[in-house]
Amino acid sequence: MLKSIALASILTIGATVSFAAEQTVTLSVPGMYCASCPYIVKGAIAALPGIKSVEPSLEKRQAVVVFDDEAVKLADITAATENVGYESTVIEPQG
């Protein structure tokens, strides 16, 4: 009886545990116009907790960001670019 209660407790706990999901998003960053712009944008985003990678593209004026959605939210990422002078908007979330 005690074993079945313990097992039921473990199964219940396991059912309520949520795991962070790695997300990928493409941001439009139209203000990137010079060679140093992508480095500034990358640095601002990379400084946030939960960021796995940042790949900015000057040619496309975009940045592809891979992040842990439990540690950082999209609003935090776009705010980070805005804080260094580059407005950004989500083009394509790729969950």
C-alpha atoms as a PDB file:
ATOM      1  CA  MET A   1       0.000   0.000   0.000  1.00  0.00           C
ATOM      2  CA  LEU A   2       2.766   2.441   0.934  1.00  0.00           C
ATOM      3  CA  LYS A   3       4.582   1.685  -2.330  1.00  0.00           C
ATOM      4  CA  SER A   4       1.476   2.462  -4.397  1.00  0.00           C
ATOM      5  CA  ILE A   5       0.980   5.788  -2.582  1.00  0.00           C
ATOM      6  CA  ALA A   6       4.617   6.726  -3.169  1.00  0.00           C
ATOM      7  CA  LEU A   7       4.356   5.756  -6.837  1.00  0.00           C
ATOM      8  CA  ALA A   8       1.147   7.758  -7.228  1.00  0.00           C
ATOM      9  CA  SER A   9       2.863  10.754  -5.638  1.00  0.00           C
ATOM     10  CA  ILE A  10       5.822  10.481  -7.994  1.00  0.00           C
ATOM     11  CA  LEU A  11       3.550  10.188 -11.022  1.00  0.00           C
ATOM     12  CA  THR A  12       1.505  13.194  -9.890  1.00  0.00           C
ATOM     13  CA  ILE A  13       4.610  15.283  -9.319  1.00  0.00           C
ATOM     14  CA  GLY A  14       5.997  14.237 -12.691  1.00  0.00           C
ATOM     15  CA  ALA A  15       2.776  15.246 -14.394  1.00  0.00           C
ATOM     16  CA  THR A  16       2.947  18.783 -13.016  1.00  0.00           C
ATOM     17  CA  VAL A  17       6.606  19.451 -13.743  1.00  0.00           C
ATOM     18  CA  SER A  18       7.086  21.675 -16.772  1.00  0.00           C
ATOM     19  CA  PHE A  19      10.301  21.784 -18.675  1.00  0.00           C
ATOM     20  CA  ALA A  20      11.762  24.837 -20.311  1.00  0.00           C
ATOM     21  CA  ALA A  21      11.530  24.820 -24.042  1.00  0.00           C
ATOM     22  CA  GLU A  22      14.208  26.018 -26.393  1.00  0.00           C
ATOM     23  CA  GLN A  23      12.682  28.512 -28.794  1.00  0.00           C
ATOM     24  CA  THR A  24      13.989  30.031 -32.004  1.00  0.00           C
ATOM     25  CA  VAL A  25      12.810  33.406 -33.226  1.00  0.00           C
ATOM     26  CA  THR A  26      13.741  35.627 -36.152  1.00  0.00           C
ATOM     27  CA  LEU A  27      13.723  39.339 -35.397  1.00  0.00           C
ATOM     28  CA  SER A  28      13.538  42.174 -37.891  1.00  0.00           C
ATOM     29  CA  VAL A  29      16.106  44.813 -36.906  1.00  0.00           C
ATOM     30  CA  PRO A  30      15.746  47.457 -39.636  1.00  0.00           C
ATOM     31  CA  GLY A  31      18.089  49.945 -37.943  1.00  0.00           C
ATOM     32  CA  MET A  32      21.187  47.825 -38.590  1.00  0.00           C
ATOM     33  CA  TYR A  33      23.020  49.645 -41.366  1.00  0.00           C
ATOM     34  CA  CYS A  34      26.773  49.498 -40.650  1.00  0.00           C
ATOM     35  CA  ALA A  35      29.342  46.795 -39.938  1.00  0.00           C
ATOM     36  CA  SER A  36      29.296  47.366 -36.173  1.00  0.00           C
ATOM     37  CA  CYS A  37      25.499  47.222 -35.805  1.00  0.00           C
ATOM     38  CA  PRO A  38      25.216  43.402 -35.749  1.00  0.00           C
ATOM     39  CA  TYR A  39      27.883  43.211 -33.028  1.00  0.00           C
ATOM     40  CA  ILE A  40      26.006  45.716 -30.876  1.00  0.00           C
ATOM     41  CA  VAL A  41      22.698  43.863 -31.342  1.00  0.00           C
ATOM     42  CA  LYS A  42      24.338  40.495 -30.667  1.00  0.00           C
ATOM     43  CA  GLY A  43      26.016  41.768 -27.513  1.00  0.00           C
ATOM     44  CA  ALA A  44      22.802  43.229 -26.138  1.00  0.00           C
ATOM     45  CA  ILE A  45      20.830  40.028 -26.707  1.00  0.00           C
ATOM     46  CA  ALA A  46      23.613  37.645 -25.665  1.00  0.00           C
ATOM     47  CA  ALA A  47      23.907  39.413 -22.291  1.00  0.00           C
ATOM     48  CA  LEU A  48      20.425  38.202 -21.302  1.00  0.00           C
ATOM     49  CA  PRO A  49      20.053  35.043 -19.217  1.00  0.00           C
ATOM     50  CA  GLY A  50      18.787  32.034 -21.156  1.00  0.00           C
ATOM     51  CA  ILE A  51      20.138  33.067 -24.558  1.00  0.00           C
ATOM     52  CA  LYS A  52      21.649  30.067 -26.356  1.00  0.00           C
ATOM     53  CA  SER A  53      22.772  31.786 -29.568  1.00  0.00           C
ATOM     54  CA  VAL A  54      22.374  34.994 -31.571  1.00  0.00           C
ATOM     55  CA  GLU A  55      23.090  35.176 -35.308  1.00  0.00           C
ATOM     56  CA  PRO A  56      22.591  38.704 -36.653  1.00  0.00           C
ATOM     57  CA  SER A  57      22.634  39.419 -40.386  1.00  0.00           C
ATOM     58  CA  LEU A  58      23.439  42.908 -41.615  1.00  0.00           C
ATOM     59  CA  GLU A  59      22.370  42.003 -45.161  1.00  0.00           C
ATOM     60  CA  LYS A  60      18.927  40.808 -44.067  1.00  0.00           C
ATOM     61  CA  ARG A  61      18.672  43.263 -41.155  1.00  0.00           C
ATOM     62  CA  GLN A  62      17.576  40.372 -38.992  1.00  0.00           C
ATOM     63  CA  ALA A  63      18.740  38.364 -36.012  1.00  0.00           C
ATOM     64  CA  VAL A  64      17.988  34.704 -35.335  1.00  0.00           C
ATOM     65  CA  VAL A  65      17.873  34.038 -31.604  1.00  0.00           C
ATOM     66  CA  VAL A  66      17.747  30.679 -29.820  1.00  0.00           C
ATOM     67  CA  PHE A  67      16.680  30.977 -26.188  1.00  0.00           C
ATOM     68  CA  ASP A  68      15.269  29.182 -23.146  1.00  0.00           C
ATOM     69  CA  ASP A  69      11.705  30.450 -22.765  1.00  0.00           C
ATOM     70  CA  GLU A  70      11.738  29.856 -19.004  1.00  0.00           C
ATOM     71  CA  ALA A  71      14.719  32.156 -18.489  1.00  0.00           C
ATOM     72  CA  VAL A  72      13.911  34.973 -20.918  1.00  0.00           C
ATOM     73  CA  LYS A  73      10.830  36.216 -22.740  1.00  0.00           C
ATOM     74  CA  LEU A  74      10.521  37.683 -26.226  1.00  0.00           C
ATOM     75  CA  ALA A  75       9.663  41.062 -24.733  1.00  0.00           C
ATOM     76  CA  ASP A  76      12.997  41.005 -22.870  1.00  0.00           C
ATOM     77  CA  ILE A  77      14.856  40.278 -26.101  1.00  0.00           C
ATOM     78  CA  THR A  78      13.214  43.074 -28.083  1.00  0.00           C
ATOM     79  CA  ALA A  79      13.691  45.442 -25.124  1.00  0.00           C
ATOM     80  CA  ALA A  80      17.417  44.601 -25.095  1.00  0.00           C
ATOM     81  CA  THR A  81      17.798  45.677 -28.725  1.00  0.00           C
ATOM     82  CA  GLU A  82      15.755  48.820 -28.132  1.00  0.00           C
ATOM     83  CA  ASN A  83      17.921  49.692 -25.122  1.00  0.00           C
ATOM     84  CA  VAL A  84      20.960  49.900 -27.431  1.00  0.00           C
ATOM     85  CA  GLY A  85      19.104  51.877 -30.097  1.00  0.00           C
ATOM     86  CA  TYR A  86      17.738  49.189 -32.422  1.00  0.00           C
ATOM     87  CA  GLU A  87      14.000  48.615 -32.619  1.00  0.00           C
ATOM     88  CA  SER A  88      13.176  44.965 -33.299  1.00  0.00           C
ATOM     89  CA  THR A  89      10.044  43.007 -34.031  1.00  0.00           C
ATOM     90  CA  VAL A  90       9.302  39.308 -34.264  1.00  0.00           C
ATOM     91  CA  ILE A  91       9.148  38.031 -37.840  1.00  0.00           C
ATOM     92  CA  GLU A  92       8.999  34.310 -37.286  1.00  0.00           C
ATOM     93  CA  PRO A  93       8.734  32.370 -34.047  1.00  0.00           C
ATOM     94  CA  GLN A  94       9.827  28.795 -34.761  1.00  0.00           C
ATOM     95  CA  GLY A  95       8.983  27.014 -31.463  1.00  0.00           C
END
